[in-house]
């Protein structure tokens, strides 16, 4: 099952980068960046997964040598990445709106051609 997570994460990252490279619409480019971000988040969570592990929330009486916990660092990194990804997406969409107001188009080829 964990292999499927790696395959899907790799697929999402590749799909996101493919969208960024091949599409000329700025909204589609922002969507591609978000898809790649989701793939990276899935990859980080999959790396930190331990089968049979429990949440690292315990009291001293519950702690014994047989305790097996999941590493909380990948979870914390993923939560941080989700917040940063949402902010980057919001900022990118605000920039796309301003570019559309300025140039009247969302096509990057047209914006490059206008120069100004």
PDB file of N, CA and C in Angstrom:
ATOM      1  N   UNK A   1       0.820  -1.200   0.000  1.00  0.00           N
ATOM      2  CA  UNK A   1       0.000   0.000   0.000  1.00  0.00           C
ATOM      3  C   UNK A   1       0.861   1.260   0.000  1.00  0.00           C
ATOM      4  N   UNK A   2       1.965   1.223   0.727  1.00  0.00           N
ATOM      5  CA  UNK A   2       2.825   2.410   0.781  1.00  0.00           C
ATOM      6  C   UNK A   2       3.482   2.669  -0.575  1.00  0.00           C
ATOM      7  N   UNK A   3       3.707   1.608  -1.348  1.00  0.00           N
ATOM      8  CA  UNK A   3       4.271   1.781  -2.688  1.00  0.00           C
ATOM      9  C   UNK A   3       3.316   2.586  -3.567  1.00  0.00           C
ATOM     10  N   UNK A   4       2.018   2.359  -3.386  1.00  0.00           N
ATOM     11  CA  UNK A   4       1.035   3.107  -4.157  1.00  0.00           C
ATOM     12  C   UNK A   4       1.103   4.602  -3.826  1.00  0.00           C
ATOM     13  N   UNK A   5       1.364   4.949  -2.568  1.00  0.00           N
ATOM     14  CA  UNK A   5       1.519   6.360  -2.196  1.00  0.00           C
ATOM     15  C   UNK A   5       2.695   6.990  -2.920  1.00  0.00           C
ATOM     16  N   UNK A   6       3.814   6.274  -3.000  1.00  0.00           N
ATOM     17  CA  UNK A   6       4.982   6.795  -3.708  1.00  0.00           C
ATOM     18  C   UNK A   6       4.695   6.974  -5.196  1.00  0.00           C
ATOM     19  N   UNK A   7       4.000   6.029  -5.780  1.00  0.00           N
ATOM     20  CA  UNK A   7       3.679   6.119  -7.209  1.00  0.00           C
ATOM     21  C   UNK A   7       2.765   7.313  -7.476  1.00  0.00           C
ATOM     22  N   UNK A   8       1.732   7.471  -6.640  1.00  0.00           N
ATOM     23  CA  UNK A   8       0.804   8.590  -6.821  1.00  0.00           C
ATOM     24  C   UNK A   8       1.505   9.923  -6.570  1.00  0.00           C
ATOM     25  N   UNK A   9       2.377   9.979  -5.564  1.00  0.00           N
ATOM     26  CA  UNK A   9       3.119  11.218  -5.287  1.00  0.00           C
ATOM     27  C   UNK A   9       4.004  11.583  -6.478  1.00  0.00           C
ATOM     28  N   UNK A  10       4.721  10.604  -7.016  1.00  0.00           N
ATOM     29  CA  UNK A  10       5.571  10.855  -8.183  1.00  0.00           C
ATOM     30  C   UNK A  10       4.728  11.301  -9.373  1.00  0.00           C
ATOM     31  N   UNK A  11       3.557  10.676  -9.559  1.00  0.00           N
ATOM     32  CA  UNK A  11       2.670  11.049 -10.652  1.00  0.00           C
ATOM     33  C   UNK A  11       2.170  12.488 -10.494  1.00  0.00           C
ATOM     34  N   UNK A  12       1.769  12.861  -9.280  1.00  0.00           N
ATOM     35  CA  UNK A  12       1.278  14.221  -9.050  1.00  0.00           C
ATOM     36  C   UNK A  12       2.373  15.266  -9.275  1.00  0.00           C
ATOM     37  N   UNK A  13       3.585  14.974  -8.815  1.00  0.00           N
ATOM     38  CA  UNK A  13       4.693  15.909  -9.022  1.00  0.00           C
ATOM     39  C   UNK A  13       4.980  16.072 -10.511  1.00  0.00           C
ATOM     40  N   UNK A  14       5.039  14.952 -11.225  1.00  0.00           N
ATOM     41  CA  UNK A  14       5.297  15.021 -12.668  1.00  0.00           C
ATOM     42  C   UNK A  14       4.165  15.727 -13.415  1.00  0.00           C
ATOM     43  N   UNK A  15       2.919  15.440 -13.038  1.00  0.00           N
ATOM     44  CA  UNK A  15       1.778  16.093 -13.683  1.00  0.00           C
ATOM     45  C   UNK A  15       1.790  17.598 -13.431  1.00  0.00           C
ATOM     46  N   UNK A  16       2.116  17.998 -12.212  1.00  0.00           N
ATOM     47  CA  UNK A  16       2.192  19.418 -11.899  1.00  0.00           C
ATOM     48  C   UNK A  16       3.265  20.127 -12.696  1.00  0.00           C
ATOM     49  N   UNK A  17       4.457  19.541 -12.758  1.00  0.00           N
ATOM     50  CA  UNK A  17       5.535  20.165 -13.519  1.00  0.00           C
ATOM     51  C   UNK A  17       5.253  20.143 -15.018  1.00  0.00           C
ATOM     52  N   UNK A  18       4.600  19.075 -15.507  1.00  0.00           N
ATOM     53  CA  UNK A  18       4.217  19.025 -16.917  1.00  0.00           C
ATOM     54  C   UNK A  18       3.251  20.156 -17.248  1.00  0.00           C
ATOM     55  N   UNK A  19       2.297  20.394 -16.355  1.00  0.00           N
ATOM     56  CA  UNK A  19       1.333  21.471 -16.568  1.00  0.00           C
ATOM     57  C   UNK A  19       2.013  22.833 -16.569  1.00  0.00           C
ATOM     58  N   UNK A  20       2.957  23.031 -15.660  1.00  0.00           N
ATOM     59  CA  UNK A  20       3.668  24.308 -15.598  1.00  0.00           C
ATOM     60  C   UNK A  20       4.459  24.549 -16.879  1.00  0.00           C
ATOM     61  N   UNK A  21       5.085  23.517 -17.395  1.00  0.00           N
ATOM     62  CA  UNK A  21       5.968  23.678 -18.556  1.00  0.00           C
ATOM     63  C   UNK A  21       5.183  23.809 -19.858  1.00  0.00           C
ATOM     64  N   UNK A  22       4.075  23.075 -20.001  1.00  0.00           N
ATOM     65  CA  UNK A  22       3.430  23.007 -21.312  1.00  0.00           C
ATOM     66  C   UNK A  22       2.247  23.949 -21.496  1.00  0.00           C
ATOM     67  N   UNK A  23       1.631  24.418 -20.439  1.00  0.00           N
ATOM     68  CA  UNK A  23       0.442  25.262 -20.580  1.00  0.00           C
ATOM     69  C   UNK A  23       0.826  26.732 -20.592  1.00  0.00           C
ATOM     70  N   UNK A  24       0.104  27.502 -21.404  1.00  0.00           N
ATOM     71  CA  UNK A  24       0.393  28.924 -21.540  1.00  0.00           C
ATOM     72  C   UNK A  24      -0.585  29.809 -20.778  1.00  0.00           C
ATOM     73  N   UNK A  25      -1.643  29.217 -20.252  1.00  0.00           N
ATOM     74  CA  UNK A  25      -2.612  29.958 -19.458  1.00  0.00           C
ATOM     75  C   UNK A  25      -2.078  30.073 -18.030  1.00  0.00           C
ATOM     76  N   UNK A  26      -2.092  31.276 -17.479  1.00  0.00           N
ATOM     77  CA  UNK A  26      -1.518  31.492 -16.151  1.00  0.00           C
ATOM     78  C   UNK A  26      -2.298  30.784 -15.047  1.00  0.00           C
ATOM     79  N   UNK A  27      -3.603  30.677 -15.179  1.00  0.00           N
ATOM     80  CA  UNK A  27      -4.399  29.976 -14.161  1.00  0.00           C
ATOM     81  C   UNK A  27      -4.041  28.493 -14.153  1.00  0.00           C
ATOM     82  N   UNK A  28      -3.866  27.908 -15.338  1.00  0.00           N
ATOM     83  CA  UNK A  28      -3.463  26.500 -15.417  1.00  0.00           C
ATOM     84  C   UNK A  28      -2.066  26.293 -14.844  1.00  0.00           C
ATOM     85  N   UNK A  29      -1.201  27.270 -15.008  1.00  0.00           N
ATOM     86  CA  UNK A  29       0.135  27.188 -14.425  1.00  0.00           C
ATOM     87  C   UNK A  29       0.069  27.193 -12.906  1.00  0.00           C
ATOM     88  N   UNK A  30      -0.775  28.040 -12.335  1.00  0.00           N
ATOM     89  CA  UNK A  30      -0.940  28.068 -10.879  1.00  0.00           C
ATOM     90  C   UNK A  30      -1.531  26.747 -10.384  1.00  0.00           C
ATOM     91  N   UNK A  31      -2.485  26.190 -11.121  1.00  0.00           N
ATOM     92  CA  UNK A  31      -3.056  24.892 -10.752  1.00  0.00           C
ATOM     93  C   UNK A  31      -1.980  23.806 -10.810  1.00  0.00           C
ATOM     94  N   UNK A  32      -1.114  23.864 -11.803  1.00  0.00           N
ATOM     95  CA  UNK A  32      -0.023  22.894 -11.894  1.00  0.00           C
ATOM     96  C   UNK A  32       0.934  22.990 -10.720  1.00  0.00           C
ATOM     97  N   UNK A  33       1.229  24.200 -10.284  1.00  0.00           N
ATOM     98  CA  UNK A  33       2.081  24.369  -9.096  1.00  0.00           C
ATOM     99  C   UNK A  33       1.413  23.782  -7.858  1.00  0.00           C
ATOM    100  N   UNK A  34       0.114  23.959  -7.736  1.00  0.00           N
ATOM    101  CA  UNK A  34      -0.613  23.412  -6.590  1.00  0.00           C
ATOM    102  C   UNK A  34      -0.616  21.883  -6.626  1.00  0.00           C
ATOM    103  N   UNK A  35      -0.782  21.303  -7.797  1.00  0.00           N
ATOM    104  CA  UNK A  35      -0.767  19.849  -7.918  1.00  0.00           C
ATOM    105  C   UNK A  35       0.602  19.294  -7.539  1.00  0.00           C
ATOM    106  N   UNK A  36       1.668  19.945  -7.971  1.00  0.00           N
ATOM    107  CA  UNK A  36       3.012  19.503  -7.585  1.00  0.00           C
ATOM    108  C   UNK A  36       3.210  19.629  -6.080  1.00  0.00           C
ATOM    109  N   UNK A  37       2.656  20.671  -5.487  1.00  0.00           N
ATOM    110  CA  UNK A  37       2.735  20.851  -4.036  1.00  0.00           C
ATOM    111  C   UNK A  37       2.016  19.721  -3.307  1.00  0.00           C
ATOM    112  N   UNK A  38       0.842  19.325  -3.796  1.00  0.00           N
ATOM    113  CA  UNK A  38       0.113  18.210  -3.187  1.00  0.00           C
ATOM    114  C   UNK A  38       0.918  16.917  -3.287  1.00  0.00           C
ATOM    115  N   UNK A  39       1.581  16.719  -4.408  1.00  0.00           N
ATOM    116  CA  UNK A  39       2.409  15.522  -4.564  1.00  0.00           C
ATOM    117  C   UNK A  39       3.571  15.491  -3.586  1.00  0.00           C
ATOM    118  N   UNK A  40       4.207  16.629  -3.374  1.00  0.00           N
ATOM    119  CA  UNK A  40       5.316  16.704  -2.409  1.00  0.00           C
ATOM    120  C   UNK A  40       4.805  16.447  -0.999  1.00  0.00           C
ATOM    121  N   UNK A  41       3.629  16.984  -0.667  1.00  0.00           N
ATOM    122  CA  UNK A  41       3.054  16.727   0.657  1.00  0.00           C
ATOM    123  C   UNK A  41       2.772  15.245   0.861  1.00  0.00           C
ATOM    124  N   UNK A  42       2.220  14.589  -0.144  1.00  0.00           N
ATOM    125  CA  UNK A  42       1.960  13.154  -0.049  1.00  0.00           C
ATOM    126  C   UNK A  42       3.253  12.374   0.102  1.00  0.00           C
ATOM    127  N   UNK A  43       4.289  12.796  -0.597  1.00  0.00           N
ATOM    128  CA  UNK A  43       5.580  12.116  -0.489  1.00  0.00           C
ATOM    129  C   UNK A  43       6.171  12.256   0.914  1.00  0.00           C
ATOM    130  N   UNK A  44       6.099  13.441   1.484  1.00  0.00           N
ATOM    131  CA  UNK A  44       6.642  13.645   2.840  1.00  0.00           C
ATOM    132  C   UNK A  44       5.887  12.811   3.857  1.00  0.00           C
ATOM    133  N   UNK A  45       4.559  12.791   3.764  1.00  0.00           N
ATOM    134  CA  UNK A  45       3.762  11.986   4.693  1.00  0.00           C
ATOM    135  C   UNK A  45       4.055  10.499   4.506  1.00  0.00           C
ATOM    136  N   UNK A  46       4.220  10.062   3.272  1.00  0.00           N
ATOM    137  CA  UNK A  46       4.503   8.650   3.016  1.00  0.00           C
ATOM    138  C   UNK A  46       5.863   8.240   3.553  1.00  0.00           C
ATOM    139  N   UNK A  47       6.832   9.125   3.479  1.00  0.00           N
ATOM    140  CA  UNK A  47       8.158   8.819   4.010  1.00  0.00           C
ATOM    141  C   UNK A  47       8.106   8.677   5.530  1.00  0.00           C
ATOM    142  N   UNK A  48       7.293   9.494   6.178  1.00  0.00           N
ATOM    143  CA  UNK A  48       7.218   9.462   7.628  1.00  0.00           C
ATOM    144  C   UNK A  48       6.296   8.396   8.191  1.00  0.00           C
ATOM    145  N   UNK A  49       5.654   7.605   7.349  1.00  0.00           N
ATOM    146  CA  UNK A  49       4.702   6.598   7.811  1.00  0.00           C
ATOM    147  C   UNK A  49       5.430   5.384   8.378  1.00  0.00           C
ATOM    148  N   UNK A  50       4.963   4.917   9.531  1.00  0.00           N
ATOM    149  CA  UNK A  50       5.460   3.682  10.144  1.00  0.00           C
ATOM    150  C   UNK A  50       4.272   2.770  10.398  1.00  0.00           C
ATOM    151  N   UNK A  51       4.227   1.593   9.751  1.00  0.00           N
ATOM    152  CA  UNK A  51       3.081   0.707   9.987  1.00  0.00           C
ATOM    153  C   UNK A  51       3.051   0.233  11.440  1.00  0.00           C
ATOM    154  N   UNK A  52       1.908   0.314  12.052  1.00  0.00           N
ATOM    155  CA  UNK A  52       1.759  -0.129  13.424  1.00  0.00           C
ATOM    156  C   UNK A  52       2.109   0.915  14.458  1.00  0.00           C
ATOM    157  N   UNK A  53       2.566   2.088  14.035  1.00  0.00           N
ATOM    158  CA  UNK A  53       2.930   3.135  14.981  1.00  0.00           C
ATOM    159  C   UNK A  53       1.712   3.880  15.481  1.00  0.00           C
ATOM    160  N   UNK A  54       1.847   4.469  16.654  1.00  0.00           N
ATOM    161  CA  UNK A  54       0.766   5.265  17.221  1.00  0.00           C
ATOM    162  C   UNK A  54       1.187   6.729  17.250  1.00  0.00           C
ATOM    163  N   UNK A  55       0.244   7.579  17.532  1.00  0.00           N
ATOM    164  CA  UNK A  55       0.525   9.006  17.612  1.00  0.00           C
ATOM    165  C   UNK A  55       1.489   9.277  18.772  1.00  0.00           C
ATOM    166  N   UNK A  56       2.416  10.195  18.607  1.00  0.00           N
ATOM    167  CA  UNK A  56       3.401  10.461  19.668  1.00  0.00           C
ATOM    168  C   UNK A  56       2.844  11.334  20.792  1.00  0.00           C
ATOM    169  N   UNK A  57       1.651  11.009  21.246  1.00  0.00           N
ATOM    170  CA  UNK A  57       1.031  11.718  22.363  1.00  0.00           C
ATOM    171  C   UNK A  57       0.896  10.708  23.490  1.00  0.00           C
ATOM    172  N   UNK A  58       1.599  10.934  24.564  1.00  0.00           N
ATOM    173  CA  UNK A  58       1.608   9.947  25.642  1.00  0.00           C
ATOM    174  C   UNK A  58       1.895  10.641  26.966  1.00  0.00           C
ATOM    175  N   UNK A  59       1.651   9.921  28.038  1.00  0.00           N
ATOM    176  CA  UNK A  59       2.054  10.354  29.370  1.00  0.00           C
ATOM    177  C   UNK A  59       3.192   9.455  29.821  1.00  0.00           C
ATOM    178  N   UNK A  60       3.878   9.852  30.877  1.00  0.00           N
ATOM    179  CA  UNK A  60       5.029   9.068  31.330  1.00  0.00           C
ATOM    180  C   UNK A  60       4.629   7.671  31.773  1.00  0.00           C
ATOM    181  N   UNK A  61       3.404   7.497  32.262  1.00  0.00           N
ATOM    182  CA  UNK A  61       2.974   6.166  32.690  1.00  0.00           C
ATOM    183  C   UNK A  61       2.733   5.242  31.498  1.00  0.00           C
ATOM    184  N   UNK A  62       2.393   5.803  30.334  1.00  0.00           N
ATOM    185  CA  UNK A  62       2.148   4.990  29.142  1.00  0.00           C
ATOM    186  C   UNK A  62       3.426   4.621  28.406  1.00  0.00           C
ATOM    187  N   UNK A  63       4.520   5.265  28.708  1.00  0.00           N
ATOM    188  CA  UNK A  63       5.772   5.048  27.986  1.00  0.00           C
ATOM    189  C   UNK A  63       6.459   3.794  28.502  1.00  0.00           C
ATOM    190  N   UNK A  64       6.738   2.864  27.600  1.00  0.00           N
ATOM    191  CA  UNK A  64       7.481   1.650  27.945  1.00  0.00           C
ATOM    192  C   UNK A  64       8.407   1.299  26.793  1.00  0.00           C
ATOM    193  N   UNK A  65       9.310   0.347  26.975  1.00  0.00           N
ATOM    194  CA  UNK A  65      10.269   0.025  25.903  1.00  0.00           C
ATOM    195  C   UNK A  65       9.619  -0.526  24.638  1.00  0.00           C
ATOM    196  N   UNK A  66       8.393  -1.030  24.733  1.00  0.00           N
ATOM    197  CA  UNK A  66       7.727  -1.586  23.553  1.00  0.00           C
ATOM    198  C   UNK A  66       6.930  -0.538  22.774  1.00  0.00           C
ATOM    199  N   UNK A  67       6.958   0.701  23.216  1.00  0.00           N
ATOM    200  CA  UNK A  67       6.205   1.758  22.531  1.00  0.00           C
ATOM    201  C   UNK A  67       6.809   2.024  21.154  1.00  0.00           C
ATOM    202  N   UNK A  68       5.931   2.162  20.181  1.00  0.00           N
ATOM    203  CA  UNK A  68       6.363   2.414  18.810  1.00  0.00           C
ATOM    204  C   UNK A  68       5.563   3.591  18.275  1.00  0.00           C
ATOM    205  N   UNK A  69       6.234   4.724  18.072  1.00  0.00           N
ATOM    206  CA  UNK A  69       5.560   5.954  17.678  1.00  0.00           C
ATOM    207  C   UNK A  69       5.894   6.335  16.248  1.00  0.00           C
ATOM    208  N   UNK A  70       4.985   7.080  15.660  1.00  0.00           N
ATOM    209  CA  UNK A  70       5.205   7.646  14.339  1.00  0.00           C
ATOM    210  C   UNK A  70       6.010   8.927  14.511  1.00  0.00           C
ATOM    211  N   UNK A  71       6.934   9.173  13.584  1.00  0.00           N
ATOM    212  CA  UNK A  71       7.763  10.377  13.644  1.00  0.00           C
ATOM    213  C   UNK A  71       6.903  11.615  13.371  1.00  0.00           C
ATOM    214  N   UNK A  72       6.846  12.574  14.288  1.00  0.00           N
ATOM    215  CA  UNK A  72       5.979  13.746  14.081  1.00  0.00           C
ATOM    216  C   UNK A  72       6.586  14.822  13.176  1.00  0.00           C
ATOM    217  N   UNK A  73       7.872  14.749  12.884  1.00  0.00           N
ATOM    218  CA  UNK A  73       8.523  15.793  12.075  1.00  0.00           C
ATOM    219  C   UNK A  73       7.942  15.869  10.663  1.00  0.00           C
ATOM    220  N   UNK A  74       7.768  14.756   9.922  1.00  0.00           N
ATOM    221  CA  UNK A  74       7.153  14.886   8.588  1.00  0.00           C
ATOM    222  C   UNK A  74       5.744  15.453   8.634  1.00  0.00           C
ATOM    223  N   UNK A  75       4.995  15.139   9.678  1.00  0.00           N
ATOM    224  CA  UNK A  75       3.648  15.695   9.799  1.00  0.00           C
ATOM    225  C   UNK A  75       3.709  17.204  10.007  1.00  0.00           C
ATOM    226  N   UNK A  76       4.624  17.656  10.837  1.00  0.00           N
ATOM    227  CA  UNK A  76       4.770  19.090  11.078  1.00  0.00           C
ATOM    228  C   UNK A  76       5.244  19.805   9.809  1.00  0.00           C
ATOM    229  N   UNK A  77       6.174  19.197   9.088  1.00  0.00           N
ATOM    230  CA  UNK A  77       6.642  19.795   7.832  1.00  0.00           C
ATOM    231  C   UNK A  77       5.519  19.879   6.804  1.00  0.00           C
ATOM    232  N   UNK A  78       4.672  18.856   6.757  1.00  0.00           N
ATOM    233  CA  UNK A  78       3.570  18.864   5.803  1.00  0.00           C
ATOM    234  C   UNK A  78       2.538  19.921   6.165  1.00  0.00           C
ATOM    235  N   UNK A  79       2.234  20.072   7.441  1.00  0.00           N
ATOM    236  CA  UNK A  79       1.309  21.132   7.843  1.00  0.00           C
ATOM    237  C   UNK A  79       1.855  22.511   7.475  1.00  0.00           C
ATOM    238  N   UNK A  80       3.142  22.700   7.694  1.00  0.00           N
ATOM    239  CA  UNK A  80       3.773  23.961   7.311  1.00  0.00           C
ATOM    240  C   UNK A  80       3.717  24.157   5.799  1.00  0.00           C
ATOM    241  N   UNK A  81       3.968  23.089   5.063  1.00  0.00           N
ATOM    242  CA  UNK A  81       3.937  23.153   3.610  1.00  0.00           C
ATOM    243  C   UNK A  81       2.537  23.460   3.081  1.00  0.00           C
ATOM    244  N   UNK A  82       1.516  22.932   3.740  1.00  0.00           N
ATOM    245  CA  UNK A  82       0.141  23.220   3.319  1.00  0.00           C
ATOM    246  C   UNK A  82      -0.171  24.703   3.485  1.00  0.00           C
ATOM    247  N   UNK A  83       0.236  25.277   4.602  1.00  0.00           N
ATOM    248  CA  UNK A  83      -0.013  26.701   4.845  1.00  0.00           C
ATOM    249  C   UNK A  83       0.756  27.560   3.843  1.00  0.00           C
ATOM    250  N   UNK A  84       2.009  27.229   3.627  1.00  0.00           N
ATOM    251  CA  UNK A  84       2.814  27.987   2.668  1.00  0.00           C
ATOM    252  C   UNK A  84       2.256  27.828   1.261  1.00  0.00           C
ATOM    253  N   UNK A  85       1.833  26.624   0.893  1.00  0.00           N
ATOM    254  CA  UNK A  85       1.247  26.394  -0.425  1.00  0.00           C
ATOM    255  C   UNK A  85      -0.023  27.193  -0.648  1.00  0.00           C
ATOM    256  N   UNK A  86      -0.859  27.281   0.393  1.00  0.00           N
ATOM    257  CA  UNK A  86      -2.086  28.079   0.268  1.00  0.00           C
ATOM    258  C   UNK A  86      -1.752  29.557   0.077  1.00  0.00           C
ATOM    259  N   UNK A  87      -0.755  30.040   0.804  1.00  0.00           N
ATOM    260  CA  UNK A  87      -0.355  31.446   0.658  1.00  0.00           C
ATOM    261  C   UNK A  87       0.250  31.719  -0.717  1.00  0.00           C
ATOM    262  N   UNK A  88       1.067  30.807  -1.203  1.00  0.00           N
ATOM    263  CA  UNK A  88       1.672  30.977  -2.531  1.00  0.00           C
ATOM    264  C   UNK A  88       0.598  30.943  -3.613  1.00  0.00           C
ATOM    265  N   UNK A  89      -0.373  30.053  -3.470  1.00  0.00           N
ATOM    266  CA  UNK A  89      -1.461  29.987  -4.442  1.00  0.00           C
ATOM    267  C   UNK A  89      -2.282  31.271  -4.427  1.00  0.00           C
ATOM    268  N   UNK A  90      -2.592  31.782  -3.245  1.00  0.00           N
ATOM    269  CA  UNK A  90      -3.360  33.025  -3.154  1.00  0.00           C
ATOM    270  C   UNK A  90      -2.590  34.194  -3.763  1.00  0.00           C
ATOM    271  N   UNK A  91      -1.307  34.270  -3.471  1.00  0.00           N
ATOM    272  CA  UNK A  91      -0.480  35.354  -4.028  1.00  0.00           C
ATOM    273  C   UNK A  91      -0.359  35.222  -5.549  1.00  0.00           C
ATOM    274  N   UNK A  92      -0.204  34.001  -6.024  1.00  0.00           N
ATOM    275  CA  UNK A  92      -0.101  33.776  -7.468  1.00  0.00           C
ATOM    276  C   UNK A  92      -1.390  34.154  -8.179  1.00  0.00           C
ATOM    277  N   UNK A  93      -2.529  33.798  -7.594  1.00  0.00           N
ATOM    278  CA  UNK A  93      -3.802  34.145  -8.216  1.00  0.00           C
ATOM    279  C   UNK A  93      -4.044  35.658  -8.190  1.00  0.00           C
ATOM    280  N   UNK A  94      -3.597  36.328  -7.126  1.00  0.00           N
ATOM    281  CA  UNK A  94      -3.701  37.791  -7.087  1.00  0.00           C
ATOM    282  C   UNK A  94      -2.848  38.417  -8.190  1.00  0.00           C
ATOM    283  N   UNK A  95      -1.655  37.869  -8.394  1.00  0.00           N
ATOM    284  CA  UNK A  95      -0.786  38.344  -9.472  1.00  0.00           C
ATOM    285  C   UNK A  95      -1.409  38.080 -10.842  1.00  0.00           C
ATOM    286  N   UNK A  96      -2.042  36.922 -11.003  1.00  0.00           N
ATOM    287  CA  UNK A  96      -2.704  36.598 -12.265  1.00  0.00           C
ATOM    288  C   UNK A  96      -3.839  37.591 -12.530  1.00  0.00           C
ATOM    289  N   UNK A  97      -4.600  37.937 -11.510  1.00  0.00           N
ATOM    290  CA  UNK A  97      -5.689  38.906 -11.678  1.00  0.00           C
ATOM    291  C   UNK A  97      -5.136  40.260 -12.111  1.00  0.00           C
ATOM    292  N   UNK A  98      -4.060  40.695 -11.479  1.00  0.00           N
ATOM    293  CA  UNK A  98      -3.454  41.987 -11.853  1.00  0.00           C
ATOM    294  C   UNK A  98      -2.899  41.954 -13.281  1.00  0.00           C
ATOM    295  N   UNK A  99      -2.284  40.838 -13.671  1.00  0.00           N
ATOM    296  CA  UNK A  99      -1.771  40.717 -15.037  1.00  0.00           C
ATOM    297  C   UNK A  99      -2.907  40.741 -16.057  1.00  0.00           C
ATOM    298  N   UNK A 100      -4.026  40.111 -15.720  1.00  0.00           N
ATOM    299  CA  UNK A 100      -5.166  40.112 -16.632  1.00  0.00           C
ATOM    300  C   UNK A 100      -5.764  41.514 -16.749  1.00  0.00           C
ATOM    301  N   UNK A 101      -5.783  42.247 -15.647  1.00  0.00           N
ATOM    302  CA  UNK A 101      -6.272  43.629 -15.703  1.00  0.00           C
ATOM    303  C   UNK A 101      -5.333  44.509 -16.528  1.00  0.00           C
ATOM    304  N   UNK A 102      -4.035  44.297 -16.381  1.00  0.00           N
ATOM    305  CA  UNK A 102      -3.043  45.129 -17.074  1.00  0.00           C
ATOM    306  C   UNK A 102      -2.987  44.830 -18.566  1.00  0.00           C
ATOM    307  N   UNK A 103      -2.943  43.536 -18.915  1.00  0.00           N
ATOM    308  CA  UNK A 103      -2.709  43.165 -20.311  1.00  0.00           C
ATOM    309  C   UNK A 103      -3.957  42.680 -21.034  1.00  0.00           C
ATOM    310  N   UNK A 104      -5.018  42.323 -20.305  1.00  0.00           N
ATOM    311  CA  UNK A 104      -6.234  41.864 -20.949  1.00  0.00           C
ATOM    312  C   UNK A 104      -6.196  40.427 -21.420  1.00  0.00           C
ATOM    313  N   UNK A 105      -5.209  39.678 -21.030  1.00  0.00           N
ATOM    314  CA  UNK A 105      -5.094  38.280 -21.434  1.00  0.00           C
ATOM    315  C   UNK A 105      -4.393  37.481 -20.339  1.00  0.00           C
ATOM    316  N   UNK A 106      -4.588  36.162 -20.376  1.00  0.00           N
ATOM    317  CA  UNK A 106      -3.884  35.273 -19.450  1.00  0.00           C
ATOM    318  C   UNK A 106      -2.853  34.408 -20.167  1.00  0.00           C
ATOM    319  N   UNK A 107      -2.695  34.626 -21.463  1.00  0.00           N
ATOM    320  CA  UNK A 107      -1.742  33.852 -22.262  1.00  0.00           C
ATOM    321  C   UNK A 107      -0.334  34.420 -22.076  1.00  0.00           C
ATOM    322  N   UNK A 108       0.584  33.581 -21.620  1.00  0.00           N
ATOM    323  CA  UNK A 108       1.940  34.064 -21.357  1.00  0.00           C
ATOM    324  C   UNK A 108       2.657  34.481 -22.638  1.00  0.00           C
ATOM    325  N   UNK A 109       2.307  33.869 -23.761  1.00  0.00           N
ATOM    326  CA  UNK A 109       2.947  34.267 -25.025  1.00  0.00           C
ATOM    327  C   UNK A 109       2.554  35.689 -25.409  1.00  0.00           C
ATOM    328  N   UNK A 110       1.295  36.035 -25.183  1.00  0.00           N
ATOM    329  CA  UNK A 110       0.834  37.392 -25.490  1.00  0.00           C
ATOM    330  C   UNK A 110       1.439  38.414 -24.536  1.00  0.00           C
ATOM    331  N   UNK A 111       1.518  38.061 -23.257  1.00  0.00           N
ATOM    332  CA  UNK A 111       2.080  38.999 -22.278  1.00  0.00           C
ATOM    333  C   UNK A 111       3.550  39.259 -22.589  1.00  0.00           C
ATOM    334  N   UNK A 112       4.290  38.226 -22.978  1.00  0.00           N
ATOM    335  CA  UNK A 112       5.696  38.404 -23.360  1.00  0.00           C
ATOM    336  C   UNK A 112       5.830  39.279 -24.599  1.00  0.00           C
ATOM    337  N   UNK A 113       4.899  39.136 -25.530  1.00  0.00           N
ATOM    338  CA  UNK A 113       4.957  39.865 -26.794  1.00  0.00           C
ATOM    339  C   UNK A 113       4.650  41.348 -26.598  1.00  0.00           C
ATOM    340  N   UNK A 114       3.826  41.680 -25.602  1.00  0.00           N
ATOM    341  CA  UNK A 114       3.404  43.075 -25.398  1.00  0.00           C
ATOM    342  C   UNK A 114       4.523  43.954 -24.845  1.00  0.00           C
ATOM    343  N   UNK A 115       5.351  43.434 -23.982  1.00  0.00           N
ATOM    344  CA  UNK A 115       6.501  44.166 -23.416  1.00  0.00           C
ATOM    345  C   UNK A 115       6.130  45.505 -22.817  1.00  0.00           C
ATOM    346  N   UNK A 116       5.111  45.536 -21.979  1.00  0.00           N
ATOM    347  CA  UNK A 116       4.966  46.743 -21.408  1.00  0.00           C
ATOM    348  C   UNK A 116       3.990  47.507 -20.797  1.00  0.00           C
TER     349      UNK A 116
END
